[in-house]
PDB file of N, CA and C in Angstrom:
ATOM      1  N   UNK A   1       5.870   6.285   9.380  1.00  0.00           N
ATOM      2  CA  UNK A   1       6.203   7.215   8.377  1.00  0.00           C
ATOM      3  C   UNK A   1       6.168   6.760   7.094  1.00  0.00           C
ATOM      4  N   UNK A   2       5.954   7.497   6.116  1.00  0.00           N
ATOM      5  CA  UNK A   2       5.942   7.278   4.623  1.00  0.00           C
ATOM      6  C   UNK A   2       4.940   6.364   4.222  1.00  0.00           C
ATOM      7  N   UNK A   3       3.793   6.090   4.878  1.00  0.00           N
ATOM      8  CA  UNK A   3       2.539   5.262   4.409  1.00  0.00           C
ATOM      9  C   UNK A   3       1.289   5.773   5.319  1.00  0.00           C
ATOM     10  N   UNK A   4       0.215   5.512   4.492  1.00  0.00           N
ATOM     11  CA  UNK A   4      -1.102   5.806   5.022  1.00  0.00           C
ATOM     12  C   UNK A   4      -1.951   4.603   4.474  1.00  0.00           C
ATOM     13  N   UNK A   5      -2.437   3.628   5.370  1.00  0.00           N
ATOM     14  CA  UNK A   5      -3.515   2.623   4.826  1.00  0.00           C
ATOM     15  C   UNK A   5      -4.871   2.848   5.432  1.00  0.00           C
ATOM     16  N   UNK A   6      -5.600   2.919   4.490  1.00  0.00           N
ATOM     17  CA  UNK A   6      -7.310   3.184   4.861  1.00  0.00           C
ATOM     18  C   UNK A   6      -7.868   1.610   4.434  1.00  0.00           C
ATOM     19  N   UNK A   7      -8.487   1.088   5.395  1.00  0.00           N
ATOM     20  CA  UNK A   7      -8.819  -0.250   5.262  1.00  0.00           C
ATOM     21  C   UNK A   7     -10.635  -0.157   5.290  1.00  0.00           C
ATOM     22  N   UNK A   8     -11.199  -0.770   4.290  1.00  0.00           N
ATOM     23  CA  UNK A   8     -12.719  -0.877   4.138  1.00  0.00           C
ATOM     24  C   UNK A   8     -13.076  -2.454   4.244  1.00  0.00           C
ATOM     25  N   UNK A   9     -14.245  -2.591   4.280  1.00  0.00           N
ATOM     26  CA  UNK A   9     -14.827  -3.995   4.218  1.00  0.00           C
ATOM     27  C   UNK A   9     -14.174  -4.944   3.152  1.00  0.00           C
ATOM     28  N   UNK A  10     -14.312  -4.215   1.969  1.00  0.00           N
ATOM     29  CA  UNK A  10     -13.960  -5.146   0.759  1.00  0.00           C
ATOM     30  C   UNK A  10     -12.349  -4.891   0.029  1.00  0.00           C
ATOM     31  N   UNK A  11     -11.841  -3.872   0.517  1.00  0.00           N
ATOM     32  CA  UNK A  11     -10.600  -3.485  -0.274  1.00  0.00           C
ATOM     33  C   UNK A  11     -10.017  -2.319   0.664  1.00  0.00           C
ATOM     34  N   UNK A  12      -8.823  -1.744   0.260  1.00  0.00           N
ATOM     35  CA  UNK A  12      -8.028  -0.848   0.937  1.00  0.00           C
ATOM     36  C   UNK A  12      -7.429   0.065  -0.130  1.00  0.00           C
ATOM     37  N   UNK A  13      -6.920   1.159   0.457  1.00  0.00           N
ATOM     38  CA  UNK A  13      -6.094   2.173  -0.416  1.00  0.00           C
ATOM     39  C   UNK A  13      -5.005   2.483   0.362  1.00  0.00           C
ATOM     40  N   UNK A  14      -3.970   2.713  -0.215  1.00  0.00           N
ATOM     41  CA  UNK A  14      -2.595   3.141   0.334  1.00  0.00           C
ATOM     42  C   UNK A  14      -1.911   4.167  -0.189  1.00  0.00           C
ATOM     43  N   UNK A  15      -1.474   5.280   0.683  1.00  0.00           N
ATOM     44  CA  UNK A  15      -0.608   6.258   0.175  1.00  0.00           C
ATOM     45  C   UNK A  15       0.649   6.245   0.667  1.00  0.00           C
ATOM     46  N   UNK A  16       1.783   6.470  -0.260  1.00  0.00           N
ATOM     47  CA  UNK A  16       3.222   6.505   0.118  1.00  0.00           C
ATOM     48  C   UNK A  16       3.592   7.992  -0.343  1.00  0.00           C
ATOM     49  N   UNK A  17       4.815   8.255   0.045  1.00  0.00           N
ATOM     50  CA  UNK A  17       5.482   9.428  -0.239  1.00  0.00           C
ATOM     51  C   UNK A  17       5.491   9.833  -1.716  1.00  0.00           C
ATOM     52  N   UNK A  18       5.742   8.898  -2.520  1.00  0.00           N
ATOM     53  CA  UNK A  18       5.716   9.094  -3.998  1.00  0.00           C
ATOM     54  C   UNK A  18       4.900   8.351  -4.785  1.00  0.00           C
ATOM     55  N   UNK A  19       3.775   7.674  -4.194  1.00  0.00           N
ATOM     56  CA  UNK A  19       3.043   6.491  -4.875  1.00  0.00           C
ATOM     57  C   UNK A  19       1.596   6.560  -4.220  1.00  0.00           C
ATOM     58  N   UNK A  20       0.865   5.631  -4.844  1.00  0.00           N
ATOM     59  CA  UNK A  20      -0.206   5.498  -4.160  1.00  0.00           C
ATOM     60  C   UNK A  20      -0.809   3.993  -4.623  1.00  0.00           C
ATOM     61  N   UNK A  21      -1.740   3.383  -4.154  1.00  0.00           N
ATOM     62  CA  UNK A  21      -2.323   2.173  -4.586  1.00  0.00           C
ATOM     63  C   UNK A  21      -3.413   1.369  -4.048  1.00  0.00           C
ATOM     64  N   UNK A  22      -3.841   0.440  -4.287  1.00  0.00           N
ATOM     65  CA  UNK A  22      -4.934  -0.221  -3.913  1.00  0.00           C
ATOM     66  C   UNK A  22      -4.854  -1.675  -3.529  1.00  0.00           C
ATOM     67  N   UNK A  23      -5.497  -2.238  -2.556  1.00  0.00           N
ATOM     68  CA  UNK A  23      -5.436  -3.665  -2.109  1.00  0.00           C
ATOM     69  C   UNK A  23      -6.735  -3.892  -2.713  1.00  0.00           C
ATOM     70  N   UNK A  24      -6.761  -4.912  -3.669  1.00  0.00           N
ATOM     71  CA  UNK A  24      -8.108  -5.279  -4.341  1.00  0.00           C
ATOM     72  C   UNK A  24      -8.844  -6.387  -3.843  1.00  0.00           C
ATOM     73  N   UNK A  25      -8.981  -6.427  -2.591  1.00  0.00           N
ATOM     74  CA  UNK A  25      -9.722  -7.455  -1.872  1.00  0.00           C
ATOM     75  C   UNK A  25      -9.710  -7.262  -0.392  1.00  0.00           C
ATOM     76  N   UNK A  26     -10.538  -8.075   0.260  1.00  0.00           N
ATOM     77  CA  UNK A  26     -10.574  -7.747   1.700  1.00  0.00           C
ATOM     78  C   UNK A  26      -9.155  -8.135   2.399  1.00  0.00           C
ATOM     79  N   UNK A  27      -8.979  -7.463   3.490  1.00  0.00           N
ATOM     80  CA  UNK A  27      -7.857  -7.687   4.220  1.00  0.00           C
ATOM     81  C   UNK A  27      -7.951  -8.810   5.360  1.00  0.00           C
ATOM     82  N   UNK A  28      -8.133  -9.985   4.632  1.00  0.00           N
ATOM     83  CA  UNK A  28      -8.562 -11.264   5.493  1.00  0.00           C
ATOM     84  C   UNK A  28      -7.118 -11.609   6.210  1.00  0.00           C
ATOM     85  N   UNK A  29      -7.221 -12.017   7.377  1.00  0.00           N
ATOM     86  CA  UNK A  29      -6.212 -12.493   8.148  1.00  0.00           C
ATOM     87  C   UNK A  29      -6.352 -13.877   8.426  1.00  0.00           C
ATOM     88  N   UNK A  30      -5.271 -14.776   8.329  1.00  0.00           N
ATOM     89  CA  UNK A  30      -5.064 -16.099   8.853  1.00  0.00           C
ATOM     90  C   UNK A  30      -5.064 -16.280  10.365  1.00  0.00           C
ATOM     91  N   UNK A  31      -4.845 -17.286  10.994  1.00  0.00           N
ATOM     92  CA  UNK A  31      -4.871 -17.628  12.451  1.00  0.00           C
ATOM     93  C   UNK A  31      -3.949 -16.755  13.027  1.00  0.00           C
ATOM     94  N   UNK A  32      -2.619 -16.469  12.253  1.00  0.00           N
ATOM     95  CA  UNK A  32      -1.510 -15.968  12.921  1.00  0.00           C
ATOM     96  C   UNK A  32      -1.502 -14.294  12.641  1.00  0.00           C
ATOM     97  N   UNK A  33      -2.635 -13.870  12.073  1.00  0.00           N
ATOM     98  CA  UNK A  33      -2.736 -12.505  11.735  1.00  0.00           C
ATOM     99  C   UNK A  33      -2.220 -11.929  10.474  1.00  0.00           C
ATOM    100  N   UNK A  34      -1.534 -12.979   9.583  1.00  0.00           N
ATOM    101  CA  UNK A  34      -0.975 -12.644   8.398  1.00  0.00           C
ATOM    102  C   UNK A  34      -2.030 -12.636   7.265  1.00  0.00           C
ATOM    103  N   UNK A  35      -1.642 -11.711   6.166  1.00  0.00           N
ATOM    104  CA  UNK A  35      -2.439 -11.450   5.040  1.00  0.00           C
ATOM    105  C   UNK A  35      -1.594 -11.304   3.739  1.00  0.00           C
ATOM    106  N   UNK A  36      -2.206 -11.533   2.706  1.00  0.00           N
ATOM    107  CA  UNK A  36      -1.496 -11.400   1.418  1.00  0.00           C
ATOM    108  C   UNK A  36      -2.525 -11.092   0.259  1.00  0.00           C
ATOM    109  N   UNK A  37      -2.733  -9.867  -0.080  1.00  0.00           N
ATOM    110  CA  UNK A  37      -3.515  -9.254  -0.961  1.00  0.00           C
ATOM    111  C   UNK A  37      -3.016  -8.549  -2.245  1.00  0.00           C
ATOM    112  N   UNK A  38      -3.466  -9.150  -3.529  1.00  0.00           N
ATOM    113  CA  UNK A  38      -3.267  -8.400  -4.633  1.00  0.00           C
ATOM    114  C   UNK A  38      -3.558  -6.925  -4.740  1.00  0.00           C
ATOM    115  N   UNK A  39      -2.904  -6.114  -5.467  1.00  0.00           N
ATOM    116  CA  UNK A  39      -3.356  -4.783  -5.779  1.00  0.00           C
ATOM    117  C   UNK A  39      -2.622  -4.177  -6.845  1.00  0.00           C
ATOM    118  N   UNK A  40      -2.489  -2.751  -6.884  1.00  0.00           N
ATOM    119  CA  UNK A  40      -1.749  -2.089  -7.808  1.00  0.00           C
ATOM    120  C   UNK A  40      -1.121  -1.018  -6.987  1.00  0.00           C
ATOM    121  N   UNK A  41      -0.143  -0.498  -7.674  1.00  0.00           N
ATOM    122  CA  UNK A  41       0.860   0.481  -7.323  1.00  0.00           C
ATOM    123  C   UNK A  41       1.015   1.682  -8.622  1.00  0.00           C
ATOM    124  N   UNK A  42       0.810   2.806  -8.051  1.00  0.00           N
ATOM    125  CA  UNK A  42       0.966   3.840  -9.147  1.00  0.00           C
ATOM    126  C   UNK A  42       2.120   4.972  -8.557  1.00  0.00           C
ATOM    127  N   UNK A  43       3.276   5.016  -9.267  1.00  0.00           N
ATOM    128  CA  UNK A  43       4.389   6.032  -8.840  1.00  0.00           C
ATOM    129  C   UNK A  43       3.641   7.332  -9.331  1.00  0.00           C
ATOM    130  N   UNK A  44       4.231   8.287  -8.405  1.00  0.00           N
ATOM    131  CA  UNK A  44       3.877   9.576  -8.595  1.00  0.00           C
ATOM    132  C   UNK A  44       5.100  10.738  -8.647  1.00  0.00           C
ATOM    133  N   UNK A  45       4.788  11.939  -9.232  1.00  0.00           N
ATOM    134  CA  UNK A  45       5.938  12.558  -9.221  1.00  0.00           C
ATOM    135  C   UNK A  45       6.372  12.795 -10.832  1.00  0.00           C
ATOM    136  N   UNK A  46       6.999  14.051 -10.971  1.00  0.00           N
ATOM    137  CA  UNK A  46       7.248  14.477 -12.374  1.00  0.00           C
ATOM    138  C   UNK A  46       6.272  14.880 -13.065  1.00  0.00           C
ATOM    139  N   UNK A  47       6.643  15.353 -14.352  1.00  0.00           N
ATOM    140  CA  UNK A  47       5.394  15.816 -15.251  1.00  0.00           C
ATOM    141  C   UNK A  47       4.568  14.682 -15.831  1.00  0.00           C
ATOM    142  N   UNK A  48       3.157  14.785 -15.933  1.00  0.00           N
ATOM    143  CA  UNK A  48       2.458  13.958 -16.399  1.00  0.00           C
ATOM    144  C   UNK A  48       1.453  14.510 -17.223  1.00  0.00           C
ATOM    145  N   UNK A  49       1.171  14.041 -18.354  1.00  0.00           N
ATOM    146  CA  UNK A  49       0.128  14.699 -19.170  1.00  0.00           C
ATOM    147  C   UNK A  49      -1.235  14.433 -18.841  1.00  0.00           C
ATOM    148  N   UNK A  50      -2.139  15.369 -18.793  1.00  0.00           N
ATOM    149  CA  UNK A  50      -3.494  15.344 -18.267  1.00  0.00           C
ATOM    150  C   UNK A  50      -4.359  14.231 -19.018  1.00  0.00           C
ATOM    151  N   UNK A  51      -4.181  13.899 -20.295  1.00  0.00           N
ATOM    152  CA  UNK A  51      -4.707  12.861 -20.894  1.00  0.00           C
ATOM    153  C   UNK A  51      -4.200  11.433 -20.887  1.00  0.00           C
ATOM    154  N   UNK A  52      -3.000  11.308 -20.101  1.00  0.00           N
ATOM    155  CA  UNK A  52      -2.257   9.920 -19.901  1.00  0.00           C
ATOM    156  C   UNK A  52      -3.060   9.183 -18.700  1.00  0.00           C
ATOM    157  N   UNK A  53      -3.384   8.247 -18.809  1.00  0.00           N
ATOM    158  CA  UNK A  53      -3.776   7.362 -17.701  1.00  0.00           C
ATOM    159  C   UNK A  53      -2.547   6.922 -16.723  1.00  0.00           C
ATOM    160  N   UNK A  54      -2.960   6.803 -15.382  1.00  0.00           N
ATOM    161  CA  UNK A  54      -2.032   6.389 -14.353  1.00  0.00           C
ATOM    162  C   UNK A  54      -1.324   5.063 -14.926  1.00  0.00           C
ATOM    163  N   UNK A  55      -0.076   4.984 -14.546  1.00  0.00           N
ATOM    164  CA  UNK A  55       0.686   3.748 -14.884  1.00  0.00           C
ATOM    165  C   UNK A  55       0.703   2.923 -13.522  1.00  0.00           C
ATOM    166  N   UNK A  56      -0.478   2.317 -13.517  1.00  0.00           N
ATOM    167  CA  UNK A  56      -0.834   1.194 -12.289  1.00  0.00           C
ATOM    168  C   UNK A  56      -0.187  -0.022 -12.637  1.00  0.00           C
ATOM    169  N   UNK A  57       0.721  -0.598 -11.762  1.00  0.00           N
ATOM    170  CA  UNK A  57       1.559  -1.735 -11.772  1.00  0.00           C
ATOM    171  C   UNK A  57       0.848  -2.804 -10.932  1.00  0.00           C
ATOM    172  N   UNK A  58       0.797  -4.059 -11.360  1.00  0.00           N
ATOM    173  CA  UNK A  58       0.403  -5.152 -10.296  1.00  0.00           C
ATOM    174  C   UNK A  58       1.300  -5.130  -9.319  1.00  0.00           C
ATOM    175  N   UNK A  59       0.914  -5.442  -7.862  1.00  0.00           N
ATOM    176  CA  UNK A  59       1.621  -5.455  -6.697  1.00  0.00           C
ATOM    177  C   UNK A  59       0.956  -6.398  -5.992  1.00  0.00           C
ATOM    178  N   UNK A  60       1.767  -6.769  -4.814  1.00  0.00           N
ATOM    179  CA  UNK A  60       1.347  -7.709  -3.809  1.00  0.00           C
ATOM    180  C   UNK A  60       1.539  -6.910  -2.626  1.00  0.00           C
ATOM    181  N   UNK A  61       0.627  -7.084  -1.541  1.00  0.00           N
ATOM    182  CA  UNK A  61       0.722  -6.365  -0.216  1.00  0.00           C
ATOM    183  C   UNK A  61       0.706  -7.692   0.887  1.00  0.00           C
ATOM    184  N   UNK A  62       1.676  -7.846   1.458  1.00  0.00           N
ATOM    185  CA  UNK A  62       1.814  -8.860   2.422  1.00  0.00           C
ATOM    186  C   UNK A  62       2.141  -8.356   3.933  1.00  0.00           C
ATOM    187  N   UNK A  63       1.664  -8.980   4.862  1.00  0.00           N
ATOM    188  CA  UNK A  63       2.273  -8.585   6.125  1.00  0.00           C
ATOM    189  C   UNK A  63       1.456  -9.329   7.375  1.00  0.00           C
ATOM    190  N   UNK A  64       1.608  -8.567   8.497  1.00  0.00           N
ATOM    191  CA  UNK A  64       0.837  -9.358   9.459  1.00  0.00           C
ATOM    192  C   UNK A  64       0.454  -8.011  10.663  1.00  0.00           C
ATOM    193  N   UNK A  65      -0.569  -8.325  11.298  1.00  0.00           N
ATOM    194  CA  UNK A  65      -0.996  -7.348  12.331  1.00  0.00           C
ATOM    195  C   UNK A  65      -1.669  -8.050  13.575  1.00  0.00           C
ATOM    196  N   UNK A  66      -1.626  -7.329  14.495  1.00  0.00           N
ATOM    197  CA  UNK A  66      -2.177  -7.937  15.879  1.00  0.00           C
ATOM    198  C   UNK A  66      -3.348  -7.097  16.199  1.00  0.00           C
ATOM    199  N   UNK A  67      -3.845  -6.202  15.097  1.00  0.00           N
ATOM    200  CA  UNK A  67      -5.011  -5.373  15.209  1.00  0.00           C
ATOM    201  C   UNK A  67      -4.440  -4.171  15.613  1.00  0.00           C
ATOM    202  N   UNK A  68      -3.422  -3.794  16.113  1.00  0.00           N
ATOM    203  CA  UNK A  68      -2.948  -2.376  16.653  1.00  0.00           C
ATOM    204  C   UNK A  68      -1.614  -1.932  15.842  1.00  0.00           C
ATOM    205  N   UNK A  69      -0.866  -3.037  15.549  1.00  0.00           N
ATOM    206  CA  UNK A  69       0.254  -2.603  14.759  1.00  0.00           C
ATOM    207  C   UNK A  69       0.402  -3.508  13.556  1.00  0.00           C
ATOM    208  N   UNK A  70       1.008  -3.038  12.550  1.00  0.00           N
ATOM    209  CA  UNK A  70       1.245  -3.854  11.249  1.00  0.00           C
ATOM    210  C   UNK A  70       2.477  -3.853  10.675  1.00  0.00           C
ATOM    211  N   UNK A  71       2.971  -4.670   9.958  1.00  0.00           N
ATOM    212  CA  UNK A  71       4.045  -4.659   9.348  1.00  0.00           C
ATOM    213  C   UNK A  71       3.568  -4.923   7.794  1.00  0.00           C
ATOM    214  N   UNK A  72       3.763  -4.076   7.010  1.00  0.00           N
ATOM    215  CA  UNK A  72       3.441  -4.253   5.553  1.00  0.00           C
ATOM    216  C   UNK A  72       4.503  -4.240   4.439  1.00  0.00           C
ATOM    217  N   UNK A  73       4.564  -5.313   3.706  1.00  0.00           N
ATOM    218  CA  UNK A  73       5.692  -5.492   2.707  1.00  0.00           C
ATOM    219  C   UNK A  73       4.902  -5.392   1.391  1.00  0.00           C
ATOM    220  N   UNK A  74       5.543  -4.445   0.591  1.00  0.00           N
ATOM    221  CA  UNK A  74       5.084  -4.232  -0.836  1.00  0.00           C
ATOM    222  C   UNK A  74       5.998  -4.757  -1.924  1.00  0.00           C
ATOM    223  N   UNK A  75       5.613  -5.472  -2.907  1.00  0.00           N
ATOM    224  CA  UNK A  75       6.404  -6.137  -3.794  1.00  0.00           C
ATOM    225  C   UNK A  75       5.718  -5.924  -5.184  1.00  0.00           C
ATOM    226  N   UNK A  76       6.328  -5.445  -5.991  1.00  0.00           N
ATOM    227  CA  UNK A  76       5.846  -5.322  -7.452  1.00  0.00           C
ATOM    228  C   UNK A  76       5.644  -6.841  -8.224  1.00  0.00           C
ATOM    229  N   UNK A  77       4.910  -7.147  -9.164  1.00  0.00           N
ATOM    230  CA  UNK A  77       4.763  -8.362  -9.923  1.00  0.00           C
ATOM    231  C   UNK A  77       6.095  -8.883 -10.329  1.00  0.00           C
ATOM    232  N   UNK A  78       6.867  -7.923 -10.751  1.00  0.00           N
ATOM    233  CA  UNK A  78       8.112  -8.215 -11.315  1.00  0.00           C
ATOM    234  C   UNK A  78       9.174  -8.861 -10.312  1.00  0.00           C
ATOM    235  N   UNK A  79       8.919  -8.664  -8.879  1.00  0.00           N
ATOM    236  CA  UNK A  79       9.567  -9.207  -7.909  1.00  0.00           C
ATOM    237  C   UNK A  79      10.299  -8.112  -7.293  1.00  0.00           C
ATOM    238  N   UNK A  80      10.268  -6.832  -7.723  1.00  0.00           N
ATOM    239  CA  UNK A  80      10.985  -5.817  -7.218  1.00  0.00           C
ATOM    240  C   UNK A  80      10.309  -5.282  -5.883  1.00  0.00           C
ATOM    241  N   UNK A  81      11.116  -5.251  -4.876  1.00  0.00           N
ATOM    242  CA  UNK A  81      10.607  -4.620  -3.687  1.00  0.00           C
ATOM    243  C   UNK A  81      10.447  -3.130  -3.470  1.00  0.00           C
ATOM    244  N   UNK A  82       9.134  -2.759  -2.778  1.00  0.00           N
ATOM    245  CA  UNK A  82       8.889  -1.249  -2.749  1.00  0.00           C
ATOM    246  C   UNK A  82       9.557  -0.955  -1.408  1.00  0.00           C
ATOM    247  N   UNK A  83       9.365  -2.114  -0.532  1.00  0.00           N
ATOM    248  CA  UNK A  83       9.793  -1.703   0.834  1.00  0.00           C
ATOM    249  C   UNK A  83       8.776  -2.559   1.938  1.00  0.00           C
ATOM    250  N   UNK A  84       9.252  -2.279   3.173  1.00  0.00           N
ATOM    251  CA  UNK A  84       8.602  -2.811   4.257  1.00  0.00           C
ATOM    252  C   UNK A  84       8.282  -1.583   5.308  1.00  0.00           C
ATOM    253  N   UNK A  85       7.034  -1.523   5.706  1.00  0.00           N
ATOM    254  CA  UNK A  85       6.516  -0.480   6.551  1.00  0.00           C
ATOM    255  C   UNK A  85       5.966  -0.943   7.748  1.00  0.00           C
ATOM    256  N   UNK A  86       6.209   0.027   8.845  1.00  0.00           N
ATOM    257  CA  UNK A  86       5.418  -0.520  10.116  1.00  0.00           C
ATOM    258  C   UNK A  86       4.436   0.623  10.305  1.00  0.00           C
ATOM    259  N   UNK A  87       3.273   0.191  10.751  1.00  0.00           N
ATOM    260  CA  UNK A  87       2.060   1.029  10.794  1.00  0.00           C
ATOM    261  C   UNK A  87       1.615   0.822  12.119  1.00  0.00           C
ATOM    262  N   UNK A  88       0.926   1.824  12.710  1.00  0.00           N
ATOM    263  CA  UNK A  88       0.033   1.890  13.896  1.00  0.00           C
ATOM    264  C   UNK A  88      -1.308   2.336  13.819  1.00  0.00           C
ATOM    265  N   UNK A  89      -2.316   1.504  14.096  1.00  0.00           N
ATOM    266  CA  UNK A  89      -3.605   1.852  13.982  1.00  0.00           C
ATOM    267  C   UNK A  89      -4.116   3.304  14.594  1.00  0.00           C
ATOM    268  N   UNK A  90      -4.666   3.931  13.884  1.00  0.00           N
ATOM    269  CA  UNK A  90      -4.945   5.349  14.237  1.00  0.00           C
ATOM    270  C   UNK A  90      -3.894   6.342  14.540  1.00  0.00           C
ATOM    271  N   UNK A  91      -2.562   5.952  14.125  1.00  0.00           N
ATOM    272  CA  UNK A  91      -1.412   6.717  14.224  1.00  0.00           C
ATOM    273  C   UNK A  91      -1.427   7.752  13.257  1.00  0.00           C
ATOM    274  N   UNK A  92      -0.723   8.881  13.542  1.00  0.00           N
ATOM    275  CA  UNK A  92      -0.569   9.824  12.397  1.00  0.00           C
ATOM    276  C   UNK A  92       0.155   9.462  11.320  1.00  0.00           C
ATOM    277  N   UNK A  93      -0.026   9.568  10.127  1.00  0.00           N
ATOM    278  CA  UNK A  93       0.777   9.557   8.787  1.00  0.00           C
ATOM    279  C   UNK A  93       1.679  10.619   8.614  1.00  0.00           C
ATOM    280  N   UNK A  94       3.015  10.353   8.301  1.00  0.00           N
ATOM    281  CA  UNK A  94       3.754  11.381   7.986  1.00  0.00           C
ATOM    282  C   UNK A  94       4.405  11.061   6.493  1.00  0.00           C
ATOM    283  N   UNK A  95       3.637  11.889   5.674  1.00  0.00           N
ATOM    284  CA  UNK A  95       3.848  11.717   4.096  1.00  0.00           C
ATOM    285  C   UNK A  95       4.554  12.850   3.766  1.00  0.00           C
ATOM    286  N   UNK A  96       5.715  12.730   2.748  1.00  0.00           N
ATOM    287  CA  UNK A  96       6.466  13.745   2.270  1.00  0.00           C
ATOM    288  C   UNK A  96       6.128  13.490   0.546  1.00  0.00           C
ATOM    289  N   UNK A  97       5.047  14.103   0.219  1.00  0.00           N
ATOM    290  CA  UNK A  97       4.525  13.891  -1.234  1.00  0.00           C
ATOM    291  C   UNK A  97       5.543  14.471  -2.279  1.00  0.00           C
ATOM    292  N   UNK A  98       5.629  13.749  -3.331  1.00  0.00           N
ATOM    293  CA  UNK A  98       6.628  14.146  -4.414  1.00  0.00           C
ATOM    294  C   UNK A  98       5.827  15.101  -5.269  1.00  0.00           C
ATOM    295  N   UNK A  99       6.420  16.002  -5.881  1.00  0.00           N
ATOM    296  CA  UNK A  99       5.832  16.937  -6.656  1.00  0.00           C
ATOM    297  C   UNK A  99       5.936  16.606  -8.296  1.00  0.00           C
TER     298      UNK A  99
END
């Protein structure tokens, strides 16, 4: 719930209820299935001017996976925790997008 992660060879994208982001590198796993990838996070919701660029903030995406289930922790560069999420490979995402 509240997250959708799309992984490709060189990077990944992530959708949250009220944000979206990128993982700016491959989701390389260590021997224990752990990863730590830099990226960005963009908050959504509220009025935004059409000529205003998105406010992308530096973030870290850390976690672990066994190939089927994943724990994903998202932290902003400032140290602020966005949250920890549980994902299942191929599982349905339940997003509640902000307006």
